[in-house]
Amino acid sequence: AGIFSQASWANAESYYHQAIALNGQNIYHHLELAEALNDQKKKPEAIAELQQAAALPLACDPGDAVYKQHAAELLQQLNR
């Protein structure tokens, strides 16, 4: 349970940015960062990540099409 005391939005953002630095072509990393940013009311930053996710090609992850669809739906919601 001690790990929960380390949880923070700053840590989450940092880890997602690290994941993107390691594999910027992974749609899931951009989607998760966008969701974290959106939860913090950082709408412009979330939109930018969702736009990046939309621009990425489907890769070898079987969930990519689902992640990309979810990113598109969230982007549509945020652009309203």
Protein backbone atom coordinates (compact mmCIF):
# COMPACT_ATOMS: atom_id res chain seq x y z
CA ALA A 1 0.00 0.00 0.00
CA GLY A 2 3.01 2.31 0.38
CA ILE A 3 3.16 2.81 -3.37
CA PHE A 4 -0.11 4.78 -3.26
CA SER A 5 1.57 7.59 -1.35
CA GLN A 6 3.74 8.15 -4.44
CA ALA A 7 0.78 8.54 -6.78
CA SER A 8 0.29 12.01 -8.22
CA TRP A 9 -0.73 13.67 -11.45
CA ALA A 10 2.82 14.97 -11.85
CA ASN A 11 4.21 11.44 -11.59
CA ALA A 12 1.60 10.09 -13.99
CA GLU A 13 2.42 12.75 -16.57
CA SER A 14 6.14 12.14 -16.14
CA TYR A 15 5.78 8.40 -16.67
CA TYR A 16 3.57 8.83 -19.74
CA HIS A 17 6.07 11.29 -21.21
CA GLN A 18 8.84 8.76 -20.57
CA ALA A 19 6.81 6.04 -22.27
CA ILE A 20 6.27 8.30 -25.28
CA ALA A 21 9.98 9.12 -25.39
CA LEU A 22 10.73 5.40 -25.52
CA ASN A 23 8.03 4.58 -28.08
CA GLY A 24 6.37 7.63 -29.56
CA GLN A 25 4.52 5.50 -32.10
CA ASN A 26 2.44 3.77 -29.42
CA ILE A 27 -1.12 5.05 -29.65
CA TYR A 28 -1.93 3.82 -26.13
CA HIS A 29 0.73 6.02 -24.51
CA HIS A 30 -0.70 9.15 -26.15
CA LEU A 31 -4.25 8.16 -25.26
CA GLU A 32 -3.42 7.55 -21.60
CA LEU A 33 -1.51 10.83 -21.32
CA ALA A 34 -4.44 12.63 -22.94
CA GLU A 35 -6.87 11.08 -20.46
CA ALA A 36 -4.65 12.09 -17.53
CA LEU A 37 -4.38 15.63 -18.87
CA ASN A 38 -8.13 15.81 -19.44
CA ASP A 39 -8.79 14.64 -15.88
CA GLN A 40 -6.68 17.59 -14.72
CA LYS A 41 -8.66 20.03 -16.89
CA LYS A 42 -5.67 20.56 -19.22
CA LYS A 43 -7.83 20.53 -22.32
CA PRO A 44 -5.40 22.03 -24.89
CA GLU A 45 -2.66 19.58 -23.92
CA ALA A 46 -5.11 16.65 -23.98
CA ILE A 47 -6.31 17.66 -27.45
CA ALA A 48 -2.71 17.81 -28.71
CA GLU A 49 -2.04 14.25 -27.49
CA LEU A 50 -5.27 12.97 -29.03
CA GLN A 51 -4.36 14.59 -32.34
CA GLN A 52 -1.01 12.82 -32.20
CA ALA A 53 -2.76 9.51 -31.50
CA ALA A 54 -5.04 10.10 -34.48
CA ALA A 55 -2.06 10.74 -36.76
CA LEU A 56 -0.25 7.52 -35.84
CA PRO A 57 -0.53 4.44 -38.02
CA LEU A 58 -1.91 1.22 -36.58
CA ALA A 59 1.01 -0.86 -35.36
CA CYS A 60 1.37 -4.40 -34.08
CA ASP A 61 -0.66 -3.97 -30.88
CA PRO A 62 -3.99 -5.76 -31.37
CA GLY A 63 -5.73 -3.00 -29.40
CA ASP A 64 -4.51 -0.14 -31.60
CA ALA A 65 -7.75 0.19 -33.56
CA VAL A 66 -9.76 0.33 -30.33
CA TYR A 67 -7.35 2.85 -28.76
CA LYS A 68 -7.45 4.99 -31.88
CA GLN A 69 -11.26 4.92 -31.92
CA HIS A 70 -11.41 5.86 -28.23
CA ALA A 71 -8.97 8.72 -28.88
CA ALA A 72 -11.14 9.97 -31.76
CA GLU A 73 -14.27 9.87 -29.61
CA LEU A 74 -12.59 11.75 -26.76
CA LEU A 75 -11.17 14.31 -29.21
CA GLN A 76 -14.67 14.86 -30.60
CA GLN A 77 -16.03 15.40 -27.08
CA LEU A 78 -13.30 17.88 -26.19
CA ASN A 79 -13.76 19.85 -29.40
CA ARG A 80 -17.44 20.52 -28.66
